[in-house]
Amino acid sequence: EAGGKVAGVLWYQGEADSRASRATLYEERFRHLVASLRADLQAPNLPFYYAQLARFAGEELSGHTVQSEEIVRETQRKAEAEIPN
């Protein structure tokens, strides 16, 4: 045990969740991630910062579509107003 307290979380979202087969689940899974980390750390107001996925220019990645990536980006955009801290 190292001790100390977590002051906040910085999350950089990978592209895997923006695959067409996963994008519709992203909002629920993202909210669950934030809630679980806060619960596990016993810090209900733990600041949670994230880096939004960039737009992918050029050839589509395997399993990704412009629409599925936009679902993830829109969820991330709305999260600031909907998830405190």
PDB file of N, CA and C in Angstrom:
ATOM      1  N   GLU A   1       0.844  -1.174   0.000  1.00  0.00           N
ATOM      2  CA  GLU A   1       0.000   0.000   0.000  1.00  0.00           C
ATOM      3  C   GLU A   1       0.887   1.234   0.000  1.00  0.00           C
ATOM      4  N   ALA A   2       0.670   2.102  -0.973  1.00  0.00           N
ATOM      5  CA  ALA A   2       1.480   3.304  -1.122  1.00  0.00           C
ATOM      6  C   ALA A   2       0.930   4.473  -0.311  1.00  0.00           C
ATOM      7  N   GLY A   3      -0.342   4.431   0.018  1.00  0.00           N
ATOM      8  CA  GLY A   3      -0.944   5.535   0.751  1.00  0.00           C
ATOM      9  C   GLY A   3      -1.324   6.671  -0.183  1.00  0.00           C
ATOM     10  N   GLY A   4      -1.807   7.743   0.391  1.00  0.00           N
ATOM     11  CA  GLY A   4      -2.197   8.890  -0.417  1.00  0.00           C
ATOM     12  C   GLY A   4      -3.626   8.791  -0.914  1.00  0.00           C
ATOM     13  N   LYS A   5      -4.023   9.808  -1.647  1.00  0.00           N
ATOM     14  CA  LYS A   5      -5.380   9.901  -2.175  1.00  0.00           C
ATOM     15  C   LYS A   5      -5.319  10.258  -3.644  1.00  0.00           C
ATOM     16  N   VAL A   6      -6.237   9.736  -4.390  1.00  0.00           N
ATOM     17  CA  VAL A   6      -6.344  10.097  -5.799  1.00  0.00           C
ATOM     18  C   VAL A   6      -7.012  11.469  -5.869  1.00  0.00           C
ATOM     19  N   ALA A   7      -6.375  12.399  -6.570  1.00  0.00           N
ATOM     20  CA  ALA A   7      -6.903  13.762  -6.663  1.00  0.00           C
ATOM     21  C   ALA A   7      -7.862  13.927  -7.830  1.00  0.00           C
ATOM     22  N   GLY A   8      -7.766  13.052  -8.811  1.00  0.00           N
ATOM     23  CA  GLY A   8      -8.619  13.144  -9.991  1.00  0.00           C
ATOM     24  C   GLY A   8      -8.232  12.072 -10.991  1.00  0.00           C
ATOM     25  N   VAL A   9      -9.023  11.942 -12.020  1.00  0.00           N
ATOM     26  CA  VAL A   9      -8.782  10.947 -13.063  1.00  0.00           C
ATOM     27  C   VAL A   9      -8.687  11.671 -14.398  1.00  0.00           C
ATOM     28  N   LEU A  10      -7.697  11.296 -15.188  1.00  0.00           N
ATOM     29  CA  LEU A  10      -7.567  11.784 -16.553  1.00  0.00           C
ATOM     30  C   LEU A  10      -7.708  10.572 -17.461  1.00  0.00           C
ATOM     31  N   TRP A  11      -8.758  10.563 -18.269  1.00  0.00           N
ATOM     32  CA  TRP A  11      -9.104   9.417 -19.109  1.00  0.00           C
ATOM     33  C   TRP A  11      -8.939   9.784 -20.575  1.00  0.00           C
ATOM     34  N   TYR A  12      -8.137   9.004 -21.277  1.00  0.00           N
ATOM     35  CA  TYR A  12      -8.015   9.204 -22.718  1.00  0.00           C
ATOM     36  C   TYR A  12      -8.692   8.017 -23.389  1.00  0.00           C
ATOM     37  N   GLN A  13      -9.834   8.279 -23.997  1.00  0.00           N
ATOM     38  CA  GLN A  13     -10.637   7.227 -24.601  1.00  0.00           C
ATOM     39  C   GLN A  13      -9.957   6.660 -25.839  1.00  0.00           C
ATOM     40  N   GLY A  14      -9.848   5.354 -25.889  1.00  0.00           N
ATOM     41  CA  GLY A  14      -9.332   4.688 -27.081  1.00  0.00           C
ATOM     42  C   GLY A  14     -10.425   4.530 -28.117  1.00  0.00           C
ATOM     43  N   GLU A  15     -10.042   4.090 -29.286  1.00  0.00           N
ATOM     44  CA  GLU A  15     -10.998   3.988 -30.389  1.00  0.00           C
ATOM     45  C   GLU A  15     -11.854   2.731 -30.355  1.00  0.00           C
ATOM     46  N   ALA A  16     -11.520   1.740 -29.562  1.00  0.00           N
ATOM     47  CA  ALA A  16     -12.243   0.464 -29.588  1.00  0.00           C
ATOM     48  C   ALA A  16     -13.746   0.634 -29.348  1.00  0.00           C
ATOM     49  N   ASP A  17     -14.110   1.551 -28.472  1.00  0.00           N
ATOM     50  CA  ASP A  17     -15.532   1.745 -28.176  1.00  0.00           C
ATOM     51  C   ASP A  17     -16.273   2.485 -29.282  1.00  0.00           C
ATOM     52  N   SER A  18     -15.562   2.990 -30.270  1.00  0.00           N
ATOM     53  CA  SER A  18     -16.250   3.667 -31.364  1.00  0.00           C
ATOM     54  C   SER A  18     -16.505   2.742 -32.554  1.00  0.00           C
ATOM     55  N   ARG A  19     -16.279   1.459 -32.368  1.00  0.00           N
ATOM     56  CA  ARG A  19     -16.680   0.498 -33.398  1.00  0.00           C
ATOM     57  C   ARG A  19     -18.200   0.475 -33.459  1.00  0.00           C
ATOM     58  N   ALA A  20     -18.727   0.232 -34.632  1.00  0.00           N
ATOM     59  CA  ALA A  20     -20.188   0.241 -34.818  1.00  0.00           C
ATOM     60  C   ALA A  20     -20.879  -0.712 -33.849  1.00  0.00           C
ATOM     61  N   SER A  21     -20.268  -1.841 -33.540  1.00  0.00           N
ATOM     62  CA  SER A  21     -20.883  -2.841 -32.659  1.00  0.00           C
ATOM     63  C   SER A  21     -20.896  -2.421 -31.192  1.00  0.00           C
ATOM     64  N   ARG A  22     -20.114  -1.407 -30.822  1.00  0.00           N
ATOM     65  CA  ARG A  22     -20.010  -0.998 -29.417  1.00  0.00           C
ATOM     66  C   ARG A  22     -20.521   0.413 -29.135  1.00  0.00           C
ATOM     67  N   ALA A  23     -20.591   1.248 -30.132  1.00  0.00           N
ATOM     68  CA  ALA A  23     -20.869   2.677 -29.917  1.00  0.00           C
ATOM     69  C   ALA A  23     -22.177   2.924 -29.183  1.00  0.00           C
ATOM     70  N   THR A  24     -23.210   2.146 -29.485  1.00  0.00           N
ATOM     71  CA  THR A  24     -24.504   2.381 -28.837  1.00  0.00           C
ATOM     72  C   THR A  24     -24.480   2.044 -27.347  1.00  0.00           C
ATOM     73  N   LEU A  25     -23.479   1.296 -26.905  1.00  0.00           N
ATOM     74  CA  LEU A  25     -23.348   0.939 -25.485  1.00  0.00           C
ATOM     75  C   LEU A  25     -22.465   1.930 -24.727  1.00  0.00           C
ATOM     76  N   TYR A  26     -21.830   2.831 -25.465  1.00  0.00           N
ATOM     77  CA  TYR A  26     -20.808   3.681 -24.864  1.00  0.00           C
ATOM     78  C   TYR A  26     -21.332   4.555 -23.727  1.00  0.00           C
ATOM     79  N   GLU A  27     -22.470   5.181 -23.895  1.00  0.00           N
ATOM     80  CA  GLU A  27     -22.962   6.084 -22.847  1.00  0.00           C
ATOM     81  C   GLU A  27     -23.132   5.343 -21.521  1.00  0.00           C
ATOM     82  N   GLU A  28     -23.789   4.208 -21.555  1.00  0.00           N
ATOM     83  CA  GLU A  28     -23.999   3.420 -20.336  1.00  0.00           C
ATOM     84  C   GLU A  28     -22.660   2.981 -19.735  1.00  0.00           C
ATOM     85  N   ARG A  29     -21.756   2.531 -20.576  1.00  0.00           N
ATOM     86  CA  ARG A  29     -20.468   2.034 -20.098  1.00  0.00           C
ATOM     87  C   ARG A  29     -19.603   3.160 -19.541  1.00  0.00           C
ATOM     88  N   PHE A  30     -19.636   4.333 -20.169  1.00  0.00           N
ATOM     89  CA  PHE A  30     -18.861   5.469 -19.680  1.00  0.00           C
ATOM     90  C   PHE A  30     -19.367   5.913 -18.308  1.00  0.00           C
ATOM     91  N   ARG A  31     -20.681   6.041 -18.177  1.00  0.00           N
ATOM     92  CA  ARG A  31     -21.266   6.431 -16.885  1.00  0.00           C
ATOM     93  C   ARG A  31     -20.912   5.403 -15.799  1.00  0.00           C
ATOM     94  N   HIS A  32     -20.957   4.133 -16.163  1.00  0.00           N
ATOM     95  CA  HIS A  32     -20.618   3.065 -15.218  1.00  0.00           C
ATOM     96  C   HIS A  32     -19.147   3.164 -14.798  1.00  0.00           C
ATOM     97  N   LEU A  33     -18.260   3.464 -15.729  1.00  0.00           N
ATOM     98  CA  LEU A  33     -16.840   3.621 -15.419  1.00  0.00           C
ATOM     99  C   LEU A  33     -16.632   4.720 -14.379  1.00  0.00           C
ATOM    100  N   VAL A  34     -17.218   5.882 -14.624  1.00  0.00           N
ATOM    101  CA  VAL A  34     -17.056   7.012 -13.703  1.00  0.00           C
ATOM    102  C   VAL A  34     -17.631   6.656 -12.326  1.00  0.00           C
ATOM    103  N   ALA A  35     -18.836   6.118 -12.300  1.00  0.00           N
ATOM    104  CA  ALA A  35     -19.479   5.766 -11.024  1.00  0.00           C
ATOM    105  C   ALA A  35     -18.687   4.696 -10.279  1.00  0.00           C
ATOM    106  N   SER A  36     -18.191   3.707 -10.985  1.00  0.00           N
ATOM    107  CA  SER A  36     -17.429   2.619 -10.347  1.00  0.00           C
ATOM    108  C   SER A  36     -16.115   3.120  -9.758  1.00  0.00           C
ATOM    109  N   LEU A  37     -15.396   3.951 -10.501  1.00  0.00           N
ATOM    110  CA  LEU A  37     -14.144   4.498  -9.970  1.00  0.00           C
ATOM    111  C   LEU A  37     -14.398   5.330  -8.722  1.00  0.00           C
ATOM    112  N   ARG A  38     -15.418   6.153  -8.767  1.00  0.00           N
ATOM    113  CA  ARG A  38     -15.736   6.981  -7.610  1.00  0.00           C
ATOM    114  C   ARG A  38     -16.143   6.131  -6.410  1.00  0.00           C
ATOM    115  N   ALA A  39     -16.913   5.091  -6.659  1.00  0.00           N
ATOM    116  CA  ALA A  39     -17.330   4.201  -5.571  1.00  0.00           C
ATOM    117  C   ALA A  39     -16.137   3.430  -5.010  1.00  0.00           C
ATOM    118  N   ASP A  40     -15.329   2.854  -5.882  1.00  0.00           N
ATOM    119  CA  ASP A  40     -14.166   2.077  -5.431  1.00  0.00           C
ATOM    120  C   ASP A  40     -13.188   2.923  -4.629  1.00  0.00           C
ATOM    121  N   LEU A  41     -13.043   4.181  -5.021  1.00  0.00           N
ATOM    122  CA  LEU A  41     -12.113   5.076  -4.328  1.00  0.00           C
ATOM    123  C   LEU A  41     -12.772   5.831  -3.172  1.00  0.00           C
ATOM    124  N   GLN A  42     -14.052   5.562  -2.955  1.00  0.00           N
ATOM    125  CA  GLN A  42     -14.832   6.224  -1.911  1.00  0.00           C
ATOM    126  C   GLN A  42     -14.696   7.747  -2.016  1.00  0.00           C
ATOM    127  N   ALA A  43     -14.850   8.213  -3.256  1.00  0.00           N
ATOM    128  CA  ALA A  43     -14.719   9.645  -3.535  1.00  0.00           C
ATOM    129  C   ALA A  43     -15.829  10.047  -4.503  1.00  0.00           C
ATOM    130  N   PRO A  44     -17.050  10.266  -4.000  1.00  0.00           N
ATOM    131  CA  PRO A  44     -18.188  10.525  -4.876  1.00  0.00           C
ATOM    132  C   PRO A  44     -18.069  11.784  -5.736  1.00  0.00           C
ATOM    133  N   ASN A  45     -17.208  12.710  -5.354  1.00  0.00           N
ATOM    134  CA  ASN A  45     -17.027  13.936  -6.127  1.00  0.00           C
ATOM    135  C   ASN A  45     -15.676  13.990  -6.837  1.00  0.00           C
ATOM    136  N   LEU A  46     -15.035  12.848  -6.995  1.00  0.00           N
ATOM    137  CA  LEU A  46     -13.731  12.777  -7.637  1.00  0.00           C
ATOM    138  C   LEU A  46     -13.788  13.413  -9.021  1.00  0.00           C
ATOM    139  N   PRO A  47     -12.948  14.417  -9.293  1.00  0.00           N
ATOM    140  CA  PRO A  47     -12.941  15.022 -10.628  1.00  0.00           C
ATOM    141  C   PRO A  47     -12.553  13.988 -11.691  1.00  0.00           C
ATOM    142  N   PHE A  48     -13.268  13.996 -12.781  1.00  0.00           N
ATOM    143  CA  PHE A  48     -13.036  13.045 -13.869  1.00  0.00           C
ATOM    144  C   PHE A  48     -12.928  13.843 -15.163  1.00  0.00           C
ATOM    145  N   TYR A  49     -11.726  13.905 -15.697  1.00  0.00           N
ATOM    146  CA  TYR A  49     -11.464  14.638 -16.939  1.00  0.00           C
ATOM    147  C   TYR A  49     -11.240  13.630 -18.049  1.00  0.00           C
ATOM    148  N   TYR A  50     -11.605  13.998 -19.245  1.00  0.00           N
ATOM    149  CA  TYR A  50     -11.413  13.083 -20.368  1.00  0.00           C
ATOM    150  C   TYR A  50     -10.994  13.846 -21.609  1.00  0.00           C
ATOM    151  N   ALA A  51     -10.293  13.147 -22.458  1.00  0.00           N
ATOM    152  CA  ALA A  51      -9.922  13.705 -23.760  1.00  0.00           C
ATOM    153  C   ALA A  51     -10.883  13.113 -24.785  1.00  0.00           C
ATOM    154  N   GLN A  52     -11.517  13.974 -25.538  1.00  0.00           N
ATOM    155  CA  GLN A  52     -12.494  13.521 -26.524  1.00  0.00           C
ATOM    156  C   GLN A  52     -11.785  12.928 -27.735  1.00  0.00           C
ATOM    157  N   LEU A  53     -12.377  11.892 -28.300  1.00  0.00           N
ATOM    158  CA  LEU A  53     -11.829  11.299 -29.513  1.00  0.00           C
ATOM    159  C   LEU A  53     -11.748  12.326 -30.625  1.00  0.00           C
ATOM    160  N   ALA A  54     -10.644  12.308 -31.327  1.00  0.00           N
ATOM    161  CA  ALA A  54     -10.505  13.189 -32.485  1.00  0.00           C
ATOM    162  C   ALA A  54     -11.254  12.580 -33.669  1.00  0.00           C
ATOM    163  N   ARG A  55     -11.603  13.416 -34.602  1.00  0.00           N
ATOM    164  CA  ARG A  55     -12.216  12.907 -35.832  1.00  0.00           C
ATOM    165  C   ARG A  55     -11.150  12.172 -36.619  1.00  0.00           C
ATOM    166  N   PHE A  56     -11.510  11.030 -37.159  1.00  0.00           N
ATOM    167  CA  PHE A  56     -10.573  10.251 -37.940  1.00  0.00           C
ATOM    168  C   PHE A  56     -10.687  10.672 -39.394  1.00  0.00           C
ATOM    169  N   ALA A  57      -9.594  11.127 -39.953  1.00  0.00           N
ATOM    170  CA  ALA A  57      -9.603  11.575 -41.344  1.00  0.00           C
ATOM    171  C   ALA A  57      -8.997  10.486 -42.226  1.00  0.00           C
ATOM    172  N   GLY A  58      -9.638  10.249 -43.315  1.00  0.00           N
ATOM    173  CA  GLY A  58      -9.115   9.263 -44.252  1.00  0.00           C
ATOM    174  C   GLY A  58      -9.903   7.976 -44.223  1.00  0.00           C
ATOM    175  N   GLU A  59      -9.233   6.920 -44.521  1.00  0.00           N
ATOM    176  CA  GLU A  59      -9.854   5.600 -44.625  1.00  0.00           C
ATOM    177  C   GLU A  59     -10.446   5.164 -43.285  1.00  0.00           C
ATOM    178  N   GLU A  60     -11.640   4.582 -43.303  1.00  0.00           N
ATOM    179  CA  GLU A  60     -12.271   4.135 -42.058  1.00  0.00           C
ATOM    180  C   GLU A  60     -11.515   2.944 -41.477  1.00  0.00           C
ATOM    181  N   LEU A  61     -11.395   2.917 -40.162  1.00  0.00           N
ATOM    182  CA  LEU A  61     -10.759   1.802 -39.487  1.00  0.00           C
ATOM    183  C   LEU A  61     -11.701   0.610 -39.463  1.00  0.00           C
ATOM    184  N   SER A  62     -11.152  -0.553 -39.294  1.00  0.00           N
ATOM    185  CA  SER A  62     -11.948  -1.770 -39.263  1.00  0.00           C
ATOM    186  C   SER A  62     -13.025  -1.709 -38.185  1.00  0.00           C
ATOM    187  N   GLY A  63     -14.282  -1.829 -38.584  1.00  0.00           N
ATOM    188  CA  GLY A  63     -15.392  -1.834 -37.637  1.00  0.00           C
ATOM    189  C   GLY A  63     -15.876  -0.459 -37.223  1.00  0.00           C
ATOM    190  N   HIS A  64     -15.192   0.586 -37.663  1.00  0.00           N
ATOM    191  CA  HIS A  64     -15.563   1.956 -37.308  1.00  0.00           C
ATOM    192  C   HIS A  64     -16.300   2.597 -38.477  1.00  0.00           C
ATOM    193  N   THR A  65     -17.235   3.447 -38.128  1.00  0.00           N
ATOM    194  CA  THR A  65     -17.899   4.248 -39.151  1.00  0.00           C
ATOM    195  C   THR A  65     -17.916   5.686 -38.669  1.00  0.00           C
ATOM    196  N   VAL A  66     -18.146   6.589 -39.562  1.00  0.00           N
ATOM    197  CA  VAL A  66     -18.265   7.998 -39.174  1.00  0.00           C
ATOM    198  C   VAL A  66     -19.390   8.148 -38.152  1.00  0.00           C
ATOM    199  N   GLN A  67     -20.490   7.435 -38.351  1.00  0.00           N
ATOM    200  CA  GLN A  67     -21.647   7.531 -37.451  1.00  0.00           C
ATOM    201  C   GLN A  67     -21.320   6.975 -36.066  1.00  0.00           C
ATOM    202  N   SER A  68     -20.639   5.835 -36.000  1.00  0.00           N
ATOM    203  CA  SER A  68     -20.342   5.255 -34.685  1.00  0.00           C
ATOM    204  C   SER A  68     -19.352   6.117 -33.912  1.00  0.00           C
ATOM    205  N   GLU A  69     -18.395   6.708 -34.597  1.00  0.00           N
ATOM    206  CA  GLU A  69     -17.468   7.614 -33.923  1.00  0.00           C
ATOM    207  C   GLU A  69     -18.200   8.852 -33.416  1.00  0.00           C
ATOM    208  N   GLU A  70     -19.174   9.327 -34.182  1.00  0.00           N
ATOM    209  CA  GLU A  70     -19.943  10.514 -33.764  1.00  0.00           C
ATOM    210  C   GLU A  70     -20.796  10.205 -32.531  1.00  0.00           C
ATOM    211  N   ILE A  71     -21.309   8.996 -32.404  1.00  0.00           N
ATOM    212  CA  ILE A  71     -22.073   8.603 -31.209  1.00  0.00           C
ATOM    213  C   ILE A  71     -21.192   8.750 -29.973  1.00  0.00           C
ATOM    214  N   VAL A  72     -19.965   8.267 -30.046  1.00  0.00           N
ATOM    215  CA  VAL A  72     -19.047   8.342 -28.904  1.00  0.00           C
ATOM    216  C   VAL A  72     -18.687   9.794 -28.610  1.00  0.00           C
ATOM    217  N   ARG A  73     -18.357  10.570 -29.632  1.00  0.00           N
ATOM    218  CA  ARG A  73     -18.016  11.981 -29.410  1.00  0.00           C
ATOM    219  C   ARG A  73     -19.186  12.759 -28.811  1.00  0.00           C
ATOM    220  N   GLU A  74     -20.394  12.498 -29.274  1.00  0.00           N
ATOM    221  CA  GLU A  74     -21.573  13.194 -28.747  1.00  0.00           C
ATOM    222  C   GLU A  74     -21.811  12.819 -27.285  1.00  0.00           C
ATOM    223  N   THR A  75     -21.625  11.559 -26.947  1.00  0.00           N
ATOM    224  CA  THR A  75     -21.754  11.132 -25.551  1.00  0.00           C
ATOM    225  C   THR A  75     -20.729  11.858 -24.692  1.00  0.00           C
ATOM    226  N   GLN A  76     -19.502  11.943 -25.182  1.00  0.00           N
ATOM    227  CA  GLN A  76     -18.461  12.647 -24.440  1.00  0.00           C
ATOM    228  C   GLN A  76     -18.797  14.131 -24.299  1.00  0.00           C
ATOM    229  N   ARG A  77     -19.309  14.728 -25.352  1.00  0.00           N
ATOM    230  CA  ARG A  77     -19.659  16.145 -25.307  1.00  0.00           C
ATOM    231  C   ARG A  77     -20.731  16.399 -24.246  1.00  0.00           C
ATOM    232  N   LYS A  78     -21.742  15.551 -24.187  1.00  0.00           N
ATOM    233  CA  LYS A  78     -22.852  15.726 -23.240  1.00  0.00           C
ATOM    234  C   LYS A  78     -22.440  15.409 -21.814  1.00  0.00           C
ATOM    235  N   ALA A  79     -21.428  14.575 -21.627  1.00  0.00           N
ATOM    236  CA  ALA A  79     -21.042  14.125 -20.297  1.00  0.00           C
ATOM    237  C   ALA A  79     -20.671  15.283 -19.374  1.00  0.00           C
ATOM    238  N   GLU A  80     -20.057  16.317 -19.926  1.00  0.00           N
ATOM    239  CA  GLU A  80     -19.627  17.452 -19.093  1.00  0.00           C
ATOM    240  C   GLU A  80     -20.802  18.071 -18.336  1.00  0.00           C
ATOM    241  N   ALA A  81     -21.941  18.174 -18.986  1.00  0.00           N
ATOM    242  CA  ALA A  81     -23.111  18.785 -18.352  1.00  0.00           C
ATOM    243  C   ALA A  81     -23.910  17.777 -17.517  1.00  0.00           C
ATOM    244  N   GLU A  82     -23.777  16.511 -17.835  1.00  0.00           N
ATOM    245  CA  GLU A  82     -24.643  15.497 -17.213  1.00  0.00           C
ATOM    246  C   GLU A  82     -23.989  14.737 -16.060  1.00  0.00           C
ATOM    247  N   ILE A  83     -22.665  14.685 -16.037  1.00  0.00           N
ATOM    248  CA  ILE A  83     -21.953  13.969 -14.961  1.00  0.00           C
ATOM    249  C   ILE A  83     -21.198  15.019 -14.156  1.00  0.00           C
ATOM    250  N   PRO A  84     -21.551  15.207 -12.883  1.00  0.00           N
ATOM    251  CA  PRO A  84     -20.889  16.240 -12.080  1.00  0.00           C
ATOM    252  C   PRO A  84     -19.380  15.995 -11.941  1.00  0.00           C
ATOM    253  N   ASN A  85     -18.652  17.082 -11.847  1.00  0.00           N
ATOM    254  CA  ASN A  85     -17.189  17.039 -11.644  1.00  0.00           C
ATOM    255  C   ASN A  85     -16.490  16.247 -12.721  1.00  0.00           C
TER     256      ASN A  85
END
